[in-house]
């Protein structure tokens, strides 16, 4: 699947919400370098959140054809 702007904006960047989880591993509260996310851009969890065009704010549409 590929997101696109229905207003045909040329910039192909979108805004969405992603939950990021990091473990605190030191007594000082410093974070590890590895970051785990619960939303993926490969389509496995894509329908559970809204994507909007970074340029105009319109909700993204989806092309389900495989490129």
C-alpha atoms as a PDB file:
ATOM      1  CA  UNK A   1       0.000   0.000   0.000  1.00  0.00           C
ATOM      2  CA  UNK A   2       1.096   3.555  -0.655  1.00  0.00           C
ATOM      3  CA  UNK A   3      -0.315   6.754   0.812  1.00  0.00           C
ATOM      4  CA  UNK A   4      -1.098   9.717  -1.440  1.00  0.00           C
ATOM      5  CA  UNK A   5      -2.654  13.144  -1.019  1.00  0.00           C
ATOM      6  CA  UNK A   6      -6.082  13.503  -2.669  1.00  0.00           C
ATOM      7  CA  UNK A   7      -5.177  17.169  -3.395  1.00  0.00           C
ATOM      8  CA  UNK A   8      -2.180  15.927  -5.410  1.00  0.00           C
ATOM      9  CA  UNK A   9       0.429  17.782  -3.334  1.00  0.00           C
ATOM     10  CA  UNK A  10       3.896  17.108  -4.715  1.00  0.00           C
ATOM     11  CA  UNK A  11       5.557  16.592  -1.333  1.00  0.00           C
ATOM     12  CA  UNK A  12       5.145  12.938  -0.381  1.00  0.00           C
ATOM     13  CA  UNK A  13       5.385  13.345   3.377  1.00  0.00           C
ATOM     14  CA  UNK A  14       2.645  12.515   5.851  1.00  0.00           C
ATOM     15  CA  UNK A  15       2.020  13.102   9.539  1.00  0.00           C
ATOM     16  CA  UNK A  16       0.768  10.344  11.841  1.00  0.00           C
ATOM     17  CA  UNK A  17       0.906   9.398  15.509  1.00  0.00           C
ATOM     18  CA  UNK A  18       3.286   6.653  16.582  1.00  0.00           C
ATOM     19  CA  UNK A  19       3.744   5.212  20.058  1.00  0.00           C
ATOM     20  CA  UNK A  20       7.436   4.909  20.940  1.00  0.00           C
ATOM     21  CA  UNK A  21       8.589   2.682  23.816  1.00  0.00           C
ATOM     22  CA  UNK A  22      12.065   2.966  25.378  1.00  0.00           C
ATOM     23  CA  UNK A  23      13.373   1.111  28.410  1.00  0.00           C
ATOM     24  CA  UNK A  24      15.223   2.967  31.170  1.00  0.00           C
ATOM     25  CA  UNK A  25      18.352   0.926  31.842  1.00  0.00           C
ATOM     26  CA  UNK A  26      20.640   3.050  34.041  1.00  0.00           C
ATOM     27  CA  UNK A  27      20.230   4.343  37.604  1.00  0.00           C
ATOM     28  CA  UNK A  28      20.383   7.895  36.154  1.00  0.00           C
ATOM     29  CA  UNK A  29      17.348   7.306  33.914  1.00  0.00           C
ATOM     30  CA  UNK A  30      19.311   7.291  30.653  1.00  0.00           C
ATOM     31  CA  UNK A  31      17.597   5.662  27.674  1.00  0.00           C
ATOM     32  CA  UNK A  32      19.037   2.890  25.530  1.00  0.00           C
ATOM     33  CA  UNK A  33      19.753   3.651  21.863  1.00  0.00           C
ATOM     34  CA  UNK A  34      17.260   1.123  20.499  1.00  0.00           C
ATOM     35  CA  UNK A  35      13.723   2.401  19.961  1.00  0.00           C
ATOM     36  CA  UNK A  36      10.688   0.166  19.500  1.00  0.00           C
ATOM     37  CA  UNK A  37       7.541   1.438  17.788  1.00  0.00           C
ATOM     38  CA  UNK A  38       4.088  -0.079  17.695  1.00  0.00           C
ATOM     39  CA  UNK A  39       3.032   1.342  14.305  1.00  0.00           C
ATOM     40  CA  UNK A  40       4.739   0.188  11.125  1.00  0.00           C
ATOM     41  CA  UNK A  41       4.962   1.789   7.701  1.00  0.00           C
ATOM     42  CA  UNK A  42       4.904  -1.578   5.920  1.00  0.00           C
ATOM     43  CA  UNK A  43       1.117  -1.896   6.087  1.00  0.00           C
ATOM     44  CA  UNK A  44       0.882  -4.300   9.032  1.00  0.00           C
ATOM     45  CA  UNK A  45      -0.852  -1.781  11.283  1.00  0.00           C
ATOM     46  CA  UNK A  46      -1.565   1.035   8.855  1.00  0.00           C
ATOM     47  CA  UNK A  47      -5.363   1.068   9.186  1.00  0.00           C
ATOM     48  CA  UNK A  48      -5.298   1.786  12.907  1.00  0.00           C
ATOM     49  CA  UNK A  49      -4.156   5.401  12.642  1.00  0.00           C
ATOM     50  CA  UNK A  50      -4.849   8.472  10.520  1.00  0.00           C
ATOM     51  CA  UNK A  51      -2.244   9.856   8.136  1.00  0.00           C
ATOM     52  CA  UNK A  52      -2.478  13.471   6.943  1.00  0.00           C
ATOM     53  CA  UNK A  53      -0.613  15.304   4.198  1.00  0.00           C
ATOM     54  CA  UNK A  54       2.259  17.346   5.650  1.00  0.00           C
ATOM     55  CA  UNK A  55       1.634  20.125   3.069  1.00  0.00           C
ATOM     56  CA  UNK A  56      -2.140  20.689   3.127  1.00  0.00           C
ATOM     57  CA  UNK A  57      -3.425  18.637   6.093  1.00  0.00           C
ATOM     58  CA  UNK A  58      -5.844  16.524   4.029  1.00  0.00           C
ATOM     59  CA  UNK A  59      -6.366  12.930   5.160  1.00  0.00           C
ATOM     60  CA  UNK A  60      -4.254  10.531   3.097  1.00  0.00           C
ATOM     61  CA  UNK A  61      -5.839   8.055   0.707  1.00  0.00           C
ATOM     62  CA  UNK A  62      -4.382   4.621  -0.013  1.00  0.00           C
ATOM     63  CA  UNK A  63      -3.350   2.971  -3.265  1.00  0.00           C
ATOM     64  CA  UNK A  64      -3.586  -0.754  -2.568  1.00  0.00           C
ATOM     65  CA  UNK A  65      -1.759  -1.800  -5.765  1.00  0.00           C
ATOM     66  CA  UNK A  66       1.671  -3.292  -5.202  1.00  0.00           C
ATOM     67  CA  UNK A  67       4.484  -1.207  -6.762  1.00  0.00           C
END
